[in-house]
C-alpha cells in the first residue's frame, strides 16, 4: 500500500534524525512548500564546535534538566532552527514543517514532541503555517501555527514544553 504524503515527508524527517549528534534526543525536520522539500535540519552543535557525541557528555543530562528548561545550556541547535536557517523566507511562506524526535536511550519516538518556545518563535517568523509532528510510525499531529500566535504562552510565563522535548 502506498504511504500517505504526510508520512512520506515524516519518513524523510526521521531519516534526518540519524545525523543528529545529541546524546539525549535527536530530532529531524524538513520544510515542504508546494509539495517540494525546501530544507532539512537535524539536532547538532553549531558548525565548527564539538558535538555532544564527540565530547561524550550531554550537559543538560548531566545537570538533570527537564525538557523545556534551560535550552541556552545545550550545545545543539535544534532541528527546526537548522532547517529554517538553511532556507530563504520566501521559500518557507505558507509551508509546512515536518518534525520527528527519537530518544537516544531506546530509539523510541519522543512522547508529546513539540517545538520548544524558541523554535516556535522562529517558525512563526519564517511564515510556516503548520507543523506536523510524528507520534509513532503511522500517526501524527497537525499543529496550526496560528494557534501559537493566538494562544501566546509567553504572556503567562509558560513554556511550550511544560509537558513536553
N, C-alpha and C. Protein backbone atom coordinates (compact mmCIF):
# COMPACT_ATOMS: atom_id res chain seq x y z
N UNK A 1 0.84 -1.19 0.00
CA UNK A 1 0.00 0.00 0.00
C UNK A 1 0.89 1.25 0.00
N UNK A 2 0.47 2.21 -0.74
CA UNK A 2 1.22 3.46 -0.87
C UNK A 2 1.09 4.30 0.39
N UNK A 3 2.22 4.83 0.87
CA UNK A 3 2.28 5.65 2.08
C UNK A 3 1.64 7.02 1.81
N UNK A 4 0.85 7.53 2.78
CA UNK A 4 0.26 8.86 2.60
C UNK A 4 1.36 9.92 2.58
N UNK A 5 1.06 11.06 2.01
CA UNK A 5 2.05 12.11 1.77
C UNK A 5 2.68 12.62 3.07
N UNK A 6 1.88 12.84 4.12
CA UNK A 6 2.46 13.34 5.37
C UNK A 6 3.44 12.35 5.95
N UNK A 7 3.10 11.08 5.95
CA UNK A 7 4.04 10.07 6.48
C UNK A 7 5.27 9.94 5.60
N UNK A 8 5.12 10.14 4.32
CA UNK A 8 6.28 10.15 3.41
C UNK A 8 7.27 11.23 3.84
N UNK A 9 6.74 12.45 4.05
CA UNK A 9 7.62 13.54 4.48
C UNK A 9 8.16 13.30 5.89
N UNK A 10 7.34 12.74 6.77
CA UNK A 10 7.82 12.42 8.11
C UNK A 10 8.92 11.36 8.07
N UNK A 11 8.83 10.42 7.13
CA UNK A 11 9.89 9.42 6.96
C UNK A 11 11.21 10.08 6.59
N UNK A 12 11.14 11.11 5.76
CA UNK A 12 12.36 11.84 5.37
C UNK A 12 12.91 12.60 6.57
N UNK A 13 12.02 13.25 7.34
CA UNK A 13 12.47 13.94 8.55
C UNK A 13 13.07 12.94 9.55
N UNK A 14 12.48 11.76 9.62
CA UNK A 14 13.03 10.73 10.52
C UNK A 14 14.42 10.30 10.07
N UNK A 15 14.64 10.20 8.78
CA UNK A 15 15.97 9.87 8.27
C UNK A 15 16.98 10.92 8.72
N UNK A 16 16.55 12.18 8.80
CA UNK A 16 17.46 13.26 9.24
C UNK A 16 17.87 13.08 10.69
N UNK A 17 17.04 12.43 11.50
CA UNK A 17 17.40 12.22 12.92
C UNK A 17 18.68 11.40 13.04
N UNK A 18 18.98 10.57 12.05
CA UNK A 18 20.17 9.71 12.13
C UNK A 18 21.46 10.50 12.01
N UNK A 19 21.38 11.75 11.56
CA UNK A 19 22.55 12.64 11.51
C UNK A 19 22.73 13.41 12.81
N UNK A 20 21.72 13.38 13.69
CA UNK A 20 21.77 14.12 14.94
C UNK A 20 22.92 13.67 15.82
N UNK A 21 23.40 14.59 16.65
CA UNK A 21 24.59 14.32 17.46
C UNK A 21 24.33 14.42 18.96
N UNK A 22 23.09 14.60 19.35
CA UNK A 22 22.74 14.72 20.76
C UNK A 22 22.76 13.33 21.41
N UNK A 23 23.18 13.28 22.65
CA UNK A 23 23.21 12.02 23.38
C UNK A 23 21.88 11.73 24.08
N UNK A 24 20.99 12.71 24.09
CA UNK A 24 19.72 12.60 24.81
C UNK A 24 18.56 12.31 23.85
N UNK A 25 18.33 13.24 22.91
CA UNK A 25 17.24 13.13 21.94
C UNK A 25 17.70 13.74 20.63
N UNK A 26 17.31 13.13 19.53
CA UNK A 26 17.61 13.71 18.23
C UNK A 26 16.33 13.95 17.47
N UNK A 27 16.28 15.11 16.86
CA UNK A 27 15.13 15.50 16.05
C UNK A 27 15.59 15.70 14.61
N UNK A 28 14.68 15.44 13.70
CA UNK A 28 14.89 15.73 12.30
C UNK A 28 13.71 16.54 11.82
N UNK A 29 13.97 17.47 10.92
CA UNK A 29 12.90 18.33 10.42
C UNK A 29 13.11 18.58 8.93
N UNK A 30 12.00 18.74 8.24
CA UNK A 30 12.06 19.20 6.86
C UNK A 30 10.95 20.23 6.66
N UNK A 31 11.23 21.19 5.80
CA UNK A 31 10.23 22.17 5.43
C UNK A 31 9.81 21.85 4.00
N UNK A 32 8.51 21.78 3.80
CA UNK A 32 7.94 21.48 2.49
C UNK A 32 6.99 22.60 2.10
N UNK A 33 7.10 23.05 0.87
CA UNK A 33 6.18 24.06 0.37
C UNK A 33 5.84 23.71 -1.08
N UNK A 34 4.57 23.75 -1.39
CA UNK A 34 4.10 23.40 -2.73
C UNK A 34 4.61 22.03 -3.16
N UNK A 35 4.57 21.10 -2.22
CA UNK A 35 4.97 19.70 -2.48
C UNK A 35 6.44 19.57 -2.87
N UNK A 36 7.26 20.50 -2.40
CA UNK A 36 8.69 20.47 -2.69
C UNK A 36 9.47 20.68 -1.39
N UNK A 37 10.48 19.85 -1.16
CA UNK A 37 11.30 20.00 0.03
C UNK A 37 12.18 21.23 -0.13
N UNK A 38 12.07 22.12 0.85
CA UNK A 38 12.79 23.40 0.83
C UNK A 38 14.10 23.28 1.61
N UNK A 39 14.05 22.59 2.76
CA UNK A 39 15.24 22.48 3.61
C UNK A 39 15.08 21.30 4.56
N UNK A 40 16.22 20.81 5.05
CA UNK A 40 16.24 19.77 6.07
C UNK A 40 17.10 20.25 7.23
N UNK A 41 16.88 19.67 8.39
CA UNK A 41 17.70 20.01 9.55
C UNK A 41 17.66 18.89 10.57
N UNK A 42 18.70 18.86 11.39
CA UNK A 42 18.77 17.88 12.48
C UNK A 42 19.46 18.52 13.67
N UNK A 43 19.37 17.88 14.80
CA UNK A 43 19.96 18.37 16.04
C UNK A 43 21.48 18.22 16.00
N UNK A 44 22.20 19.31 16.25
CA UNK A 44 23.66 19.24 16.27
C UNK A 44 24.28 20.55 16.68
N UNK A 45 25.53 20.48 17.14
CA UNK A 45 26.26 21.68 17.57
C UNK A 45 26.48 22.61 16.39
N UNK A 46 26.67 23.90 16.67
CA UNK A 46 26.98 24.84 15.59
C UNK A 46 28.23 24.40 14.83
N UNK A 47 28.27 24.72 13.56
CA UNK A 47 29.40 24.33 12.71
C UNK A 47 30.73 24.71 13.35
N UNK A 48 31.65 23.77 13.36
CA UNK A 48 32.98 24.00 13.90
C UNK A 48 33.12 23.68 15.38
N UNK A 49 32.01 23.56 16.11
CA UNK A 49 32.07 23.20 17.52
C UNK A 49 31.94 21.69 17.67
N UNK A 50 32.49 21.17 18.75
CA UNK A 50 32.37 19.74 19.01
C UNK A 50 30.92 19.40 19.35
N UNK A 51 30.47 18.26 18.84
CA UNK A 51 29.14 17.76 19.14
C UNK A 51 29.16 17.01 20.46
N UNK A 52 28.01 16.86 21.08
CA UNK A 52 27.90 16.11 22.34
C UNK A 52 28.42 14.69 22.17
N UNK A 53 28.12 14.08 21.02
CA UNK A 53 28.58 12.71 20.80
C UNK A 53 30.11 12.64 20.72
N UNK A 54 30.77 13.75 20.33
CA UNK A 54 32.23 13.80 20.30
C UNK A 54 32.79 14.07 21.70
N UNK A 55 32.07 14.86 22.49
CA UNK A 55 32.51 15.19 23.85
C UNK A 55 32.20 14.07 24.83
N UNK A 56 31.19 13.27 24.49
CA UNK A 56 30.80 12.17 25.37
C UNK A 56 29.94 12.59 26.54
N UNK A 57 29.40 13.80 26.48
CA UNK A 57 28.55 14.25 27.58
C UNK A 57 27.45 15.18 27.06
N UNK A 58 26.28 15.04 27.61
CA UNK A 58 25.17 15.96 27.38
C UNK A 58 25.06 16.77 28.67
N UNK A 59 25.36 18.04 28.59
CA UNK A 59 25.36 18.88 29.79
C UNK A 59 23.97 18.97 30.41
N UNK A 60 22.93 18.96 29.59
CA UNK A 60 21.56 19.00 30.13
C UNK A 60 21.24 17.72 30.89
N UNK A 61 21.73 16.60 30.38
CA UNK A 61 21.54 15.33 31.07
C UNK A 61 22.35 15.32 32.38
N UNK A 62 23.58 15.79 32.29
CA UNK A 62 24.47 15.83 33.46
C UNK A 62 23.87 16.68 34.59
N UNK A 63 23.22 17.79 34.20
CA UNK A 63 22.60 18.68 35.19
C UNK A 63 21.18 18.25 35.55
N UNK A 64 20.71 17.14 34.95
CA UNK A 64 19.38 16.59 35.21
C UNK A 64 18.27 17.62 34.94
N UNK A 65 18.41 18.32 33.80
CA UNK A 65 17.43 19.33 33.43
C UNK A 65 16.24 18.69 32.72
N UNK A 66 15.05 19.16 33.04
CA UNK A 66 13.83 18.65 32.41
C UNK A 66 13.66 19.25 31.03
N UNK A 67 12.84 18.58 30.22
CA UNK A 67 12.50 19.09 28.90
C UNK A 67 11.91 20.48 29.05
N UNK A 68 12.30 21.36 28.13
CA UNK A 68 11.74 22.70 28.13
C UNK A 68 12.47 23.71 29.00
N UNK A 69 13.47 23.25 29.72
CA UNK A 69 14.18 24.15 30.62
C UNK A 69 15.63 24.36 30.20
N UNK A 70 16.08 25.58 30.31
CA UNK A 70 17.49 25.94 30.18
C UNK A 70 18.14 25.52 28.87
N UNK A 71 17.43 25.72 27.76
CA UNK A 71 17.99 25.34 26.46
C UNK A 71 19.24 26.13 26.10
N UNK A 72 19.45 27.25 26.76
CA UNK A 72 20.66 28.03 26.47
C UNK A 72 21.92 27.28 26.87
N UNK A 73 21.79 26.25 27.71
CA UNK A 73 22.94 25.45 28.12
C UNK A 73 23.26 24.33 27.13
N UNK A 74 22.34 24.05 26.24
CA UNK A 74 22.51 22.95 25.28
C UNK A 74 23.54 23.33 24.21
N UNK A 75 24.37 22.37 23.82
CA UNK A 75 25.36 22.60 22.76
C UNK A 75 24.71 22.61 21.38
N UNK A 76 23.56 21.98 21.27
CA UNK A 76 22.95 21.77 19.96
C UNK A 76 22.06 22.91 19.49
N UNK A 77 21.99 23.03 18.17
CA UNK A 77 20.99 23.85 17.51
C UNK A 77 19.86 22.88 17.16
N UNK A 78 18.63 23.27 17.46
CA UNK A 78 17.50 22.37 17.21
C UNK A 78 17.28 22.14 15.72
N UNK A 79 16.69 21.01 15.40
CA UNK A 79 16.43 20.64 14.01
C UNK A 79 15.60 21.70 13.28
N UNK A 80 14.57 22.23 13.95
CA UNK A 80 13.73 23.23 13.32
C UNK A 80 14.55 24.48 12.97
N UNK A 81 15.39 24.90 13.91
CA UNK A 81 16.23 26.09 13.68
C UNK A 81 17.20 25.85 12.54
N UNK A 82 17.85 24.69 12.51
CA UNK A 82 18.77 24.37 11.42
C UNK A 82 18.06 24.36 10.08
N UNK A 83 16.84 23.87 10.08
CA UNK A 83 16.04 23.85 8.86
C UNK A 83 15.76 25.29 8.38
N UNK A 84 15.31 26.11 9.30
CA UNK A 84 14.92 27.48 8.96
C UNK A 84 16.11 28.30 8.47
N UNK A 85 17.27 28.16 9.12
CA UNK A 85 18.41 28.97 8.70
C UNK A 85 19.01 28.50 7.38
N UNK A 86 18.56 27.34 6.91
CA UNK A 86 19.04 26.82 5.63
C UNK A 86 18.15 27.21 4.45
N UNK A 87 17.10 27.97 4.73
CA UNK A 87 16.13 28.29 3.67
C UNK A 87 15.88 29.79 3.60
N UNK A 88 15.46 30.22 2.43
CA UNK A 88 15.03 31.60 2.26
C UNK A 88 13.60 31.74 2.76
N UNK A 89 13.29 32.85 3.42
CA UNK A 89 11.94 33.05 3.95
C UNK A 89 10.90 32.95 2.84
N UNK A 90 11.21 33.46 1.69
CA UNK A 90 10.25 33.42 0.58
C UNK A 90 9.88 31.99 0.20
N UNK A 91 10.80 31.04 0.42
CA UNK A 91 10.52 29.63 0.12
C UNK A 91 9.72 28.94 1.23
N UNK A 92 9.71 29.54 2.42
CA UNK A 92 9.02 28.93 3.56
C UNK A 92 7.61 29.46 3.75
N UNK A 93 7.30 30.64 3.21
CA UNK A 93 5.99 31.27 3.41
C UNK A 93 4.86 30.33 3.01
N UNK A 94 4.00 30.02 3.97
CA UNK A 94 2.87 29.13 3.72
C UNK A 94 3.24 27.66 3.73
N UNK A 95 4.47 27.34 4.07
CA UNK A 95 4.94 25.96 4.06
C UNK A 95 4.59 25.18 5.32
N UNK A 96 5.01 23.93 5.32
CA UNK A 96 4.78 23.02 6.43
C UNK A 96 6.12 22.48 6.91
N UNK A 97 6.31 22.45 8.23
CA UNK A 97 7.49 21.85 8.82
C UNK A 97 7.09 20.48 9.38
N UNK A 98 7.82 19.45 8.97
CA UNK A 98 7.59 18.09 9.47
C UNK A 98 8.67 17.78 10.48
N UNK A 99 8.28 17.25 11.66
CA UNK A 99 9.20 17.07 12.78
C UNK A 99 9.08 15.67 13.38
N UNK A 100 10.24 15.04 13.58
CA UNK A 100 10.30 13.72 14.21
C UNK A 100 11.39 13.74 15.27
N UNK A 101 11.08 13.20 16.44
CA UNK A 101 12.06 13.10 17.52
C UNK A 101 12.23 11.66 17.96
N UNK A 102 13.49 11.29 18.23
CA UNK A 102 13.81 9.92 18.70
C UNK A 102 14.64 10.01 19.98
N UNK A 103 14.28 9.17 20.94
CA UNK A 103 15.05 9.06 22.19
C UNK A 103 16.32 8.27 21.89
N UNK A 104 17.44 8.75 22.36
CA UNK A 104 18.70 8.05 22.10
C UNK A 104 18.85 6.80 22.95
N UNK A 105 18.27 6.79 24.13
CA UNK A 105 18.41 5.66 25.04
C UNK A 105 17.76 4.39 24.49
N UNK A 106 16.57 4.53 23.88
CA UNK A 106 15.86 3.33 23.44
C UNK A 106 15.39 3.39 21.98
N UNK A 107 15.63 4.50 21.29
CA UNK A 107 15.25 4.62 19.89
C UNK A 107 13.77 4.85 19.67
N UNK A 108 13.00 5.03 20.73
CA UNK A 108 11.57 5.26 20.59
C UNK A 108 11.29 6.71 20.21
N UNK A 109 10.10 6.92 19.67
CA UNK A 109 9.68 8.28 19.33
C UNK A 109 9.52 9.08 20.62
N UNK A 110 9.89 10.35 20.56
CA UNK A 110 9.73 11.24 21.71
C UNK A 110 8.24 11.42 21.96
N UNK A 111 7.81 11.18 23.19
CA UNK A 111 6.40 11.33 23.54
C UNK A 111 6.05 12.82 23.65
N UNK A 112 4.89 13.15 23.13
CA UNK A 112 4.39 14.52 23.18
C UNK A 112 5.39 15.52 22.60
N UNK A 113 6.09 15.12 21.56
CA UNK A 113 7.08 16.01 20.95
C UNK A 113 6.41 17.29 20.46
N UNK A 114 7.15 18.35 20.55
CA UNK A 114 6.66 19.65 20.11
C UNK A 114 7.87 20.54 19.92
N UNK A 115 7.72 21.60 19.21
CA UNK A 115 8.79 22.58 19.08
C UNK A 115 8.88 23.37 20.38
N UNK A 116 10.10 23.67 20.81
CA UNK A 116 10.28 24.47 22.02
C UNK A 116 9.82 25.90 21.74
N UNK A 117 9.73 26.69 22.78
CA UNK A 117 9.26 28.07 22.65
C UNK A 117 10.11 28.87 21.67
N UNK A 118 11.44 28.71 21.73
CA UNK A 118 12.30 29.47 20.82
C UNK A 118 12.09 29.04 19.37
N UNK A 119 11.96 27.74 19.14
CA UNK A 119 11.71 27.26 17.77
C UNK A 119 10.34 27.70 17.28
N UNK A 120 9.36 27.73 18.18
CA UNK A 120 8.03 28.21 17.78
C UNK A 120 8.11 29.64 17.27
N UNK A 121 8.88 30.48 17.96
CA UNK A 121 9.03 31.87 17.52
C UNK A 121 9.67 31.94 16.13
N UNK A 122 10.67 31.10 15.89
CA UNK A 122 11.32 31.10 14.57
C UNK A 122 10.38 30.60 13.49
N UNK A 123 9.60 29.57 13.80
CA UNK A 123 8.63 29.02 12.85
C UNK A 123 7.60 30.09 12.48
N UNK A 124 7.12 30.81 13.49
CA UNK A 124 6.15 31.89 13.24
C UNK A 124 6.77 32.93 12.31
N UNK A 125 7.98 33.40 12.64
CA UNK A 125 8.61 34.45 11.83
C UNK A 125 9.02 33.97 10.44
N UNK A 126 9.24 32.68 10.28
CA UNK A 126 9.60 32.15 8.97
C UNK A 126 8.39 32.13 8.02
N UNK A 127 7.20 32.25 8.58
CA UNK A 127 6.00 32.24 7.74
C UNK A 127 5.46 30.85 7.48
N UNK A 128 5.94 29.86 8.23
CA UNK A 128 5.44 28.49 8.13
C UNK A 128 4.05 28.45 8.76
N UNK A 129 3.11 27.77 8.12
CA UNK A 129 1.73 27.81 8.59
C UNK A 129 1.28 26.60 9.40
N UNK A 130 2.00 25.48 9.27
CA UNK A 130 1.64 24.32 10.09
C UNK A 130 2.87 23.47 10.35
N UNK A 131 2.77 22.73 11.45
CA UNK A 131 3.83 21.80 11.86
C UNK A 131 3.17 20.44 12.02
N UNK A 132 3.79 19.43 11.42
CA UNK A 132 3.29 18.06 11.53
C UNK A 132 4.30 17.28 12.36
N UNK A 133 3.85 16.71 13.48
CA UNK A 133 4.73 16.04 14.42
C UNK A 133 4.38 14.56 14.48
N UNK A 134 5.37 13.71 14.31
CA UNK A 134 5.16 12.27 14.35
C UNK A 134 5.02 11.80 15.80
N UNK A 135 3.96 11.02 16.06
CA UNK A 135 3.75 10.41 17.37
C UNK A 135 4.21 8.95 17.39
N UNK A 136 4.00 8.26 16.30
CA UNK A 136 4.51 6.91 16.10
C UNK A 136 4.63 6.69 14.60
N UNK A 137 4.99 5.49 14.19
CA UNK A 137 5.31 5.26 12.78
C UNK A 137 4.19 5.67 11.82
N UNK A 138 2.94 5.54 12.22
CA UNK A 138 1.82 5.85 11.33
C UNK A 138 1.00 7.06 11.73
N UNK A 139 1.18 7.55 12.95
CA UNK A 139 0.31 8.61 13.46
C UNK A 139 1.08 9.89 13.73
N UNK A 140 0.39 10.99 13.50
CA UNK A 140 1.00 12.31 13.65
C UNK A 140 -0.07 13.32 14.06
N UNK A 141 0.40 14.47 14.52
CA UNK A 141 -0.46 15.60 14.87
C UNK A 141 -0.17 16.75 13.92
N UNK A 142 -1.20 17.47 13.54
CA UNK A 142 -1.03 18.65 12.71
C UNK A 142 -1.33 19.86 13.59
N UNK A 143 -0.33 20.75 13.70
CA UNK A 143 -0.46 21.95 14.53
C UNK A 143 -0.58 23.15 13.61
N UNK A 144 -1.63 23.93 13.83
CA UNK A 144 -1.80 25.17 13.09
C UNK A 144 -0.96 26.23 13.79
N UNK A 145 0.04 26.77 13.12
CA UNK A 145 0.96 27.74 13.72
C UNK A 145 0.19 28.97 14.22
N UNK A 146 -0.92 29.28 13.59
CA UNK A 146 -1.73 30.41 14.04
C UNK A 146 -2.19 30.22 15.50
N UNK A 147 -2.37 28.97 15.93
CA UNK A 147 -2.72 28.69 17.33
C UNK A 147 -1.63 29.18 18.28
N UNK A 148 -0.35 29.05 17.86
CA UNK A 148 0.75 29.54 18.69
C UNK A 148 0.72 31.05 18.78
N UNK A 149 0.25 31.70 17.73
CA UNK A 149 0.17 33.16 17.74
C UNK A 149 -0.98 33.61 18.63
N UNK A 150 -2.15 33.00 18.45
CA UNK A 150 -3.34 33.40 19.20
C UNK A 150 -3.26 33.00 20.68
N UNK A 151 -2.65 31.86 20.99
CA UNK A 151 -2.53 31.37 22.36
C UNK A 151 -1.09 31.53 22.84
N UNK A 152 -0.68 32.76 22.99
CA UNK A 152 0.70 33.11 23.31
C UNK A 152 1.02 32.75 24.76
N UNK A 153 1.68 31.60 24.95
CA UNK A 153 2.03 31.12 26.29
C UNK A 153 2.98 32.05 27.02
N UNK A 154 3.76 32.82 26.26
CA UNK A 154 4.74 33.70 26.89
C UNK A 154 4.07 34.80 27.72
N UNK A 155 2.81 35.11 27.43
CA UNK A 155 2.10 36.12 28.22
C UNK A 155 1.82 35.63 29.63
N UNK A 156 1.79 34.31 29.82
CA UNK A 156 1.57 33.73 31.14
C UNK A 156 2.87 33.20 31.75
N UNK A 157 3.99 33.36 31.04
CA UNK A 157 5.27 32.87 31.55
C UNK A 157 5.38 31.36 31.53
N UNK A 158 4.66 30.73 30.59
CA UNK A 158 4.63 29.27 30.47
C UNK A 158 5.47 28.86 29.27
N UNK A 159 6.19 27.75 29.40
CA UNK A 159 6.98 27.22 28.30
C UNK A 159 6.15 26.31 27.42
N UNK A 160 6.50 26.22 26.15
CA UNK A 160 5.83 25.31 25.22
C UNK A 160 6.06 23.86 25.65
N UNK A 161 7.06 23.65 26.47
CA UNK A 161 7.39 22.30 26.89
C UNK A 161 7.18 22.06 28.37
N UNK A 162 6.18 22.72 28.94
CA UNK A 162 5.86 22.45 30.33
C UNK A 162 5.53 20.98 30.48
N UNK A 163 4.92 20.39 29.45
CA UNK A 163 4.61 18.96 29.47
C UNK A 163 5.46 18.17 28.51
N UNK A 164 6.36 18.71 27.96
CA UNK A 164 6.93 18.03 26.87
C UNK A 164 8.40 18.03 26.70
N UNK A 165 10.19 18.30 25.13
CA UNK A 165 11.42 17.96 24.41
C UNK A 165 12.55 17.77 25.36
